[in-house]
Amino acid sequence: MSIQLSIQNLSKIYPTGEGVRDITVEVERGELVTLLGPSGCGKTTVLRSVGGFIEPSGGSIQIGGREVSQLPPEKRPSAMVFQSYNLWPHMTVFDNLAFSLKLKKIKKKELTKKVSWALGLVHLLGMEKKYPSELSGGQQQRIALARALLLEPEVLLLDEPFSALDAKLRHELREELREIQAKQNLTMLFVTHDQEEALSISDRIVVMNKGHIEQIAKPQDIYNQPASLFVAQFIGRMNFLKGIAEADKITVGPMEFLNFHQYTGEITIGVRPEDVILTEGQGLEAKVEKIMMLGHYAEITLHTIIGRLKMFVDRGDMNKFQVKNTIKVQFSTIQAFNHQNEKYDRRNQVI
């Protein structure tokens, strides 16, 4: 596939010294790439630099093979959907959507057809005569998305568009966005701090931290093979424990794992709650402290000699656990991080 958006060595340093440095990201045509990270990590700076709302200190931005770094926002083949809807309150939905098309001198019949097409995409046909104040937050954001789609951008930029909405509505809208993106083969650069949102809709995720990129990978690889301790801590739930590495093994309490990278000394071990499993044989003795039902699964809190652990089990297996009972557990998979560089070792299997 061809590269639709190419960001090369992008830097933007603010007077405070904060910003982003040497950011390189390429987005293929029809791909949805998410910039993910905590507040202040630089993800919005990258997005707004692509949109032309921030002037970079250095680097190159190409859309469709064309350098756009020196172009103002209105001259770039991109469109932005903001967190705030930015709809004109005195205009109807139809007029909000038709405004940019009227500037292009599009004939009324074609203009009406295009507006209906966009409203159909966001499931809001019949809302043409309503004003923004008569719409819910979710409907207003759909209109903002439809307005951006009418510009027929080569790259659609989305800056935390669902963060102001409630959880149920966020889930619905990101499903709809993914459906529209696939149907129209849109190229999207999406910004969020919500890891669940990023994991659920992205083709690839760019995890950012303090102005630089920690990892670029597919969602399943980000989750299963975090490239650094920061990524492991930021993405999903994980138990962190101290381990000792020497020769060809890593020791965590009574358990031993392969030491693929020949780490030595103290290291940090990461274990997903779903990778903590019951065992009948040798394992780690654990006392059940708490059982929390969380829908289709339960979270079990365990007390062990190496620290407190969280364990996820299927709701059908909850009858195997009783508070204050003692069980034995094993780790099906661990992830090891060297303190020197905090880099991911690789998936480690039990010896």
Protein backbone atom coordinates (compact mmCIF):
# COMPACT_ATOMS: atom_id res chain seq x y z
CA MET A 1 0.00 0.00 0.00
CA SER A 2 1.11 3.58 -0.65
CA ILE A 3 2.06 6.05 2.06
CA GLN A 4 -0.60 8.75 2.36
CA LEU A 5 0.87 10.70 5.29
CA SER A 6 4.59 10.91 5.98
CA ILE A 7 5.92 12.70 9.06
CA GLN A 8 9.72 12.76 9.11
CA ASN A 9 11.88 14.01 12.00
CA LEU A 10 9.18 16.40 13.16
CA SER A 11 10.17 18.68 16.04
CA LYS A 12 8.32 21.43 17.84
CA ILE A 13 10.06 22.95 20.84
CA TYR A 14 8.17 25.49 22.94
CA PRO A 15 9.87 28.31 24.92
CA THR A 16 9.50 26.18 28.07
CA GLY A 17 11.70 23.52 26.46
CA GLU A 18 8.80 21.10 26.18
CA GLY A 19 7.48 19.75 22.90
CA VAL A 20 8.28 16.89 20.54
CA ARG A 21 11.57 15.84 18.98
CA ASP A 22 12.39 13.78 15.88
CA ILE A 23 8.93 12.27 15.43
CA THR A 24 8.72 9.96 12.41
CA VAL A 25 5.41 8.30 11.53
CA GLU A 26 4.10 7.00 8.21
CA VAL A 27 0.42 6.27 7.60
CA GLU A 28 -0.66 4.13 4.67
CA ARG A 29 -3.66 4.94 2.50
CA GLY A 30 -6.83 3.65 4.19
CA GLU A 31 -5.10 3.14 7.54
CA LEU A 32 -6.24 4.39 10.95
CA VAL A 33 -3.25 5.25 13.13
CA THR A 34 -3.71 6.45 16.71
CA LEU A 35 -1.38 8.71 18.69
CA LEU A 36 -1.76 7.51 22.28
CA GLY A 37 -0.24 8.80 25.47
CA PRO A 38 -0.83 10.75 28.70
CA SER A 39 -1.60 14.46 28.79
CA GLY A 40 1.41 16.54 27.79
CA CYS A 41 3.17 13.77 25.86
CA GLY A 42 3.03 15.70 22.55
CA LYS A 43 0.38 13.80 20.62
CA THR A 44 -1.83 16.85 19.98
CA THR A 45 1.24 18.89 18.97
CA VAL A 46 1.98 16.31 16.26
CA LEU A 47 -1.64 16.25 15.08
CA ARG A 48 -1.98 20.04 14.92
CA SER A 49 1.35 20.31 13.13
CA VAL A 50 -0.02 17.99 10.43
CA GLY A 51 -3.19 20.11 10.24
CA GLY A 52 -1.23 23.36 9.95
CA PHE A 53 -2.41 24.84 13.24
CA ILE A 54 1.10 24.69 14.74
CA GLU A 55 4.31 25.61 12.93
CA PRO A 56 6.97 22.93 13.54
CA SER A 57 10.53 23.84 14.54
CA GLY A 58 11.84 21.32 12.03
CA GLY A 59 11.06 18.24 9.98
CA SER A 60 8.91 17.34 7.01
CA ILE A 61 5.18 16.63 6.57
CA GLN A 62 3.98 15.15 3.28
CA ILE A 63 0.42 14.28 2.31
CA GLY A 64 0.00 12.22 -0.83
CA GLY A 65 3.68 12.77 -1.62
CA ARG A 66 3.33 16.57 -1.47
CA GLU A 67 5.19 18.68 1.08
CA VAL A 68 2.65 20.69 3.10
CA SER A 69 4.75 22.06 5.98
CA GLN A 70 4.59 25.64 4.68
CA LEU A 71 0.90 25.60 3.74
CA PRO A 72 -1.86 27.15 5.90
CA PRO A 73 -4.62 24.79 7.17
CA GLU A 74 -7.11 25.74 4.47
CA LYS A 75 -4.62 24.87 1.73
CA ARG A 76 -3.80 21.42 3.07
CA PRO A 77 -5.62 18.28 1.84
CA SER A 78 -6.64 17.46 5.41
CA ALA A 79 -9.59 18.10 7.70
CA MET A 80 -9.75 18.25 11.49
CA VAL A 81 -12.45 17.02 13.89
CA PHE A 82 -11.96 18.69 17.27
CA GLN A 83 -13.01 17.69 20.78
CA SER A 84 -15.36 20.69 20.80
CA TYR A 85 -17.86 20.45 17.98
CA ASN A 86 -17.29 23.97 16.60
CA LEU A 87 -20.71 24.11 14.95
CA TRP A 88 -22.23 27.50 14.14
CA PRO A 89 -25.17 27.81 16.58
CA HIS A 90 -27.16 30.22 14.37
CA MET A 91 -27.11 27.83 11.39
CA THR A 92 -29.17 24.71 10.79
CA VAL A 93 -27.47 21.35 10.38
CA PHE A 94 -27.88 21.67 6.61
CA ASP A 95 -26.26 25.12 6.54
CA ASN A 96 -23.43 24.01 8.82
CA LEU A 97 -22.62 21.21 6.39
CA ALA A 98 -23.24 23.20 3.22
CA PHE A 99 -21.12 26.21 4.17
CA SER A 100 -17.79 24.94 2.83
CA LEU A 101 -19.47 23.58 -0.30
CA LYS A 102 -21.07 26.96 -1.05
CA LEU A 103 -17.60 28.54 -0.92
CA LYS A 104 -16.60 26.14 -3.68
CA LYS A 105 -19.54 27.37 -5.81
CA ILE A 106 -21.10 23.90 -5.97
CA LYS A 107 -24.55 23.91 -7.57
CA LYS A 108 -27.53 23.54 -5.24
CA LYS A 109 -28.64 20.14 -6.55
CA GLU A 110 -25.16 18.65 -6.15
CA LEU A 111 -24.72 20.40 -2.78
CA THR A 112 -27.96 18.88 -1.43
CA LYS A 113 -26.90 15.46 -2.68
CA LYS A 114 -23.53 15.70 -0.94
CA VAL A 115 -25.06 16.86 2.35
CA SER A 116 -27.53 13.96 2.27
CA TRP A 117 -24.65 11.56 1.56
CA ALA A 118 -22.71 12.84 4.59
CA LEU A 119 -25.75 12.73 6.88
CA GLY A 120 -26.44 9.18 5.72
CA LEU A 121 -22.90 8.15 6.66
CA VAL A 122 -23.35 9.40 10.23
CA HIS A 123 -26.96 8.11 10.52
CA LEU A 124 -28.56 11.54 10.85
CA LEU A 125 -30.74 11.86 7.76
CA GLY A 126 -33.80 13.99 8.54
CA MET A 127 -31.91 16.34 10.87
CA GLU A 128 -31.22 18.96 8.20
CA LYS A 129 -33.52 21.65 9.65
CA LYS A 130 -32.48 21.29 13.28
CA TYR A 131 -30.10 23.67 15.06
CA PRO A 132 -27.07 22.47 17.05
CA SER A 133 -28.79 23.36 20.35
CA GLU A 134 -31.53 20.86 19.50
CA LEU A 135 -29.02 18.00 19.15
CA SER A 136 -27.37 15.80 21.76
CA GLY A 137 -23.60 15.89 22.22
CA GLY A 138 -23.23 12.67 20.24
CA GLN A 139 -25.33 14.03 17.38
CA GLN A 140 -23.33 17.27 17.30
CA GLN A 141 -20.08 15.32 17.05
CA ARG A 142 -21.55 13.25 14.22
CA ILE A 143 -22.35 16.50 12.39
CA ALA A 144 -18.79 17.74 12.97
CA LEU A 145 -17.50 14.48 11.50
CA ALA A 146 -19.87 14.75 8.52
CA ARG A 147 -18.67 18.33 7.88
CA ALA A 148 -15.05 17.12 7.79
CA LEU A 149 -15.94 14.25 5.44
CA LEU A 150 -17.58 16.69 3.01
CA LEU A 151 -14.17 18.29 2.48
CA GLU A 152 -13.04 14.95 1.00
CA PRO A 153 -9.69 15.13 2.83
CA GLU A 154 -6.74 12.97 1.89
CA VAL A 155 -6.07 12.68 5.62
CA LEU A 156 -8.70 13.06 8.35
CA LEU A 157 -7.34 14.31 11.69
CA LEU A 158 -9.28 13.66 14.91
CA ASP A 159 -8.30 15.31 18.20
CA GLU A 160 -9.92 13.32 21.04
CA PRO A 161 -13.34 13.71 19.36
CA PHE A 162 -15.27 11.54 21.83
CA SER A 163 -13.68 12.54 25.15
CA ALA A 164 -16.55 14.84 26.16
CA LEU A 165 -19.16 12.09 25.75
CA ASP A 166 -20.32 9.43 28.20
CA ALA A 167 -18.82 5.93 28.06
CA LYS A 168 -21.71 4.21 26.26
CA LEU A 169 -21.91 6.90 23.59
CA ARG A 170 -18.12 6.89 23.12
CA HIS A 171 -18.29 3.15 22.45
CA GLU A 172 -21.09 3.59 19.90
CA LEU A 173 -19.42 6.46 18.07
CA ARG A 174 -16.02 4.82 17.76
CA GLU A 175 -17.72 1.75 16.27
CA GLU A 176 -19.47 4.02 13.78
CA LEU A 177 -16.22 5.84 13.01
CA ARG A 178 -14.44 2.56 12.30
CA GLU A 179 -17.32 1.50 10.06
CA ILE A 180 -17.18 4.77 8.09
CA GLN A 181 -13.39 4.63 7.86
CA ALA A 182 -13.46 1.11 6.41
CA LYS A 183 -16.37 1.84 4.06
CA GLN A 184 -14.80 5.00 2.63
CA ASN A 185 -11.19 3.71 2.82
CA LEU A 186 -10.25 6.86 4.76
CA THR A 187 -6.77 7.65 6.02
CA MET A 188 -7.01 8.81 9.62
CA LEU A 189 -4.67 10.12 12.30
CA PHE A 190 -6.50 9.87 15.63
CA VAL A 191 -5.44 11.29 19.00
CA THR A 192 -6.59 9.89 22.33
CA HIS A 193 -5.39 9.27 25.89
CA ASP A 194 -7.90 6.41 26.24
CA GLN A 195 -6.04 3.11 25.83
CA GLU A 196 -9.25 1.09 25.35
CA GLU A 197 -10.31 3.41 22.56
CA ALA A 198 -6.91 3.11 20.87
CA LEU A 199 -6.82 -0.68 21.15
CA SER A 200 -10.35 -1.07 19.78
CA ILE A 201 -10.25 1.08 16.63
CA SER A 202 -6.63 1.33 15.46
CA ASP A 203 -4.73 -0.45 12.72
CA ARG A 204 -1.56 0.72 14.45
CA ILE A 205 -0.83 2.65 17.64
CA VAL A 206 1.93 5.20 18.25
CA VAL A 207 2.59 5.30 22.01
CA MET A 208 4.13 8.64 23.01
CA ASN A 209 5.82 9.75 26.23
CA LYS A 210 7.44 13.09 27.06
CA GLY A 211 7.75 14.22 23.45
CA HIS A 212 9.11 11.03 21.92
CA ILE A 213 7.80 7.74 20.56
CA GLU A 214 8.03 4.68 22.81
CA GLN A 215 6.57 2.17 20.34
CA ILE A 216 4.73 1.90 17.01
CA ALA A 217 2.91 -1.38 16.46
CA LYS A 218 -0.42 -3.12 15.91
CA PRO A 219 -2.75 -3.10 18.94
CA GLN A 220 -2.20 -6.78 19.73
CA ASP A 221 1.58 -6.32 19.61
CA ILE A 222 1.44 -3.23 21.81
CA TYR A 223 -0.55 -5.25 24.36
CA ASN A 224 1.37 -8.52 24.14
CA GLN A 225 4.87 -7.19 23.52
CA PRO A 226 5.32 -3.72 25.05
CA ALA A 227 8.67 -2.25 23.99
CA SER A 228 9.34 -0.52 27.32
CA LEU A 229 8.26 -0.47 30.93
CA PHE A 230 6.35 2.75 30.25
CA VAL A 231 4.25 1.07 27.54
CA ALA A 232 3.60 -1.92 29.80
CA GLN A 233 2.46 0.39 32.60
CA PHE A 234 0.29 2.53 30.31
CA ILE A 235 -1.44 -0.15 28.24
CA GLY A 236 -3.89 -2.44 30.01
CA ARG A 237 -3.79 -3.88 33.51
CA MET A 238 -0.60 -5.55 34.70
CA ASN A 239 0.99 -6.88 37.88
CA PHE A 240 4.57 -5.65 38.42
CA LEU A 241 6.94 -7.71 40.53
CA LYS A 242 10.65 -7.83 41.32
CA GLY A 243 12.68 -10.67 39.88
CA ILE A 244 16.29 -11.78 39.83
CA ALA A 245 18.02 -12.62 36.56
CA GLU A 246 21.19 -14.69 36.35
CA ALA A 247 22.65 -17.04 33.76
CA ASP A 248 19.80 -18.57 31.75
CA LYS A 249 16.96 -18.08 34.22
CA ILE A 250 14.78 -15.45 35.88
CA THR A 251 13.57 -16.20 39.39
CA VAL A 252 10.32 -14.79 40.77
CA GLY A 253 9.61 -16.25 44.19
CA PRO A 254 9.44 -20.05 43.77
CA MET A 255 8.99 -19.79 39.98
CA GLU A 256 11.64 -19.79 37.26
CA PHE A 257 11.49 -18.48 33.69
CA LEU A 258 13.88 -18.41 30.75
CA ASN A 259 16.26 -15.44 30.61
CA PHE A 260 16.44 -14.95 26.83
CA HIS A 261 18.47 -11.74 26.88
CA GLN A 262 20.84 -12.77 29.63
CA TYR A 263 19.86 -9.98 32.00
CA THR A 264 21.67 -9.91 35.33
CA GLY A 265 20.59 -8.65 38.73
CA GLU A 266 17.25 -7.15 39.70
CA ILE A 267 14.65 -6.75 36.96
CA THR A 268 10.97 -5.89 36.81
CA ILE A 269 8.49 -8.59 35.84
CA GLY A 270 5.14 -7.78 34.26
CA VAL A 271 2.25 -10.27 34.39
CA ARG A 272 -1.18 -9.65 32.88
CA PRO A 273 -4.04 -10.64 35.25
CA GLU A 274 -5.31 -13.10 32.63
CA ASP A 275 -1.89 -14.80 32.68
CA VAL A 276 -2.18 -15.64 36.38
CA ILE A 277 -3.66 -19.16 36.36
CA LEU A 278 -4.65 -21.83 38.85
CA THR A 279 -2.30 -24.82 39.15
CA GLU A 280 -2.52 -28.19 40.87
CA GLY A 281 1.25 -28.73 40.93
CA GLN A 282 4.15 -26.50 41.87
CA GLY A 283 3.32 -22.85 42.01
CA LEU A 284 2.99 -19.73 44.09
CA GLU A 285 0.87 -20.02 47.21
CA ALA A 286 -1.76 -17.26 47.32
CA LYS A 287 -4.55 -16.28 49.70
CA VAL A 288 -7.79 -14.96 48.17
CA GLU A 289 -8.42 -11.47 49.57
CA LYS A 290 -11.25 -10.17 47.40
CA ILE A 291 -13.54 -11.26 44.54
CA MET A 292 -15.10 -8.64 42.28
CA MET A 293 -17.65 -9.52 39.60
CA LEU A 294 -16.99 -7.39 36.49
CA GLY A 295 -19.52 -8.67 33.97
CA HIS A 296 -18.32 -11.66 31.95
CA TYR A 297 -15.26 -12.07 34.17
CA ALA A 298 -14.20 -11.64 37.79
CA GLU A 299 -11.17 -9.92 39.28
CA ILE A 300 -9.54 -11.89 42.09
CA THR A 301 -7.15 -10.10 44.47
CA LEU A 302 -4.48 -12.40 45.87
CA HIS A 303 -1.97 -11.99 48.69
CA THR A 304 1.38 -13.73 48.11
CA ILE A 305 4.92 -13.68 49.50
CA ILE A 306 6.06 -11.70 46.43
CA GLY A 307 3.30 -9.11 46.61
CA ARG A 308 -0.35 -8.55 45.85
CA LEU A 309 -1.63 -9.93 42.53
CA LYS A 310 -4.70 -9.31 40.41
CA MET A 311 -6.12 -12.30 38.55
CA PHE A 312 -8.89 -12.41 35.92
CA VAL A 313 -11.10 -15.51 35.70
CA ASP A 314 -14.14 -16.42 33.64
CA ARG A 315 -17.38 -15.94 35.56
CA GLY A 316 -18.09 -19.65 35.13
CA ASP A 317 -15.01 -20.44 37.25
CA MET A 318 -15.86 -18.13 40.15
CA ASN A 319 -17.09 -21.04 42.28
CA LYS A 320 -13.47 -22.25 42.51
CA PHE A 321 -12.58 -19.24 44.66
CA GLN A 322 -13.59 -18.35 48.19
CA VAL A 323 -12.35 -15.37 50.22
CA LYS A 324 -9.64 -16.39 52.76
CA ASN A 325 -9.02 -19.70 50.96
CA THR A 326 -5.46 -20.55 49.88
CA ILE A 327 -4.75 -21.58 46.28
CA LYS A 328 -1.72 -22.10 44.07
CA VAL A 329 -1.11 -20.07 40.93
CA GLN A 330 1.37 -20.01 38.09
CA PHE A 331 2.20 -17.40 35.43
CA SER A 332 1.55 -18.65 31.89
CA THR A 333 3.56 -15.77 30.44
CA ILE A 334 5.72 -13.00 31.89
CA GLN A 335 7.36 -9.91 30.44
CA ALA A 336 10.78 -8.91 31.72
CA PHE A 337 12.20 -5.39 31.81
CA ASN A 338 15.83 -4.51 32.39
CA HIS A 339 16.18 -1.55 34.79
CA GLN A 340 19.07 -0.14 32.76
CA ASN A 341 17.09 0.55 29.61
CA GLU A 342 13.58 -0.55 30.64
CA LYS A 343 13.28 -2.44 27.37
CA TYR A 344 11.08 -5.44 26.85
CA ASP A 345 12.90 -8.79 26.97
CA ARG A 346 10.37 -11.00 25.14
CA ARG A 347 7.61 -13.40 26.06
CA ASN A 348 8.98 -15.78 28.68
CA GLN A 349 7.61 -19.27 29.19
CA VAL A 350 7.73 -21.20 32.43
CA ILE A 351 10.78 -23.50 32.71
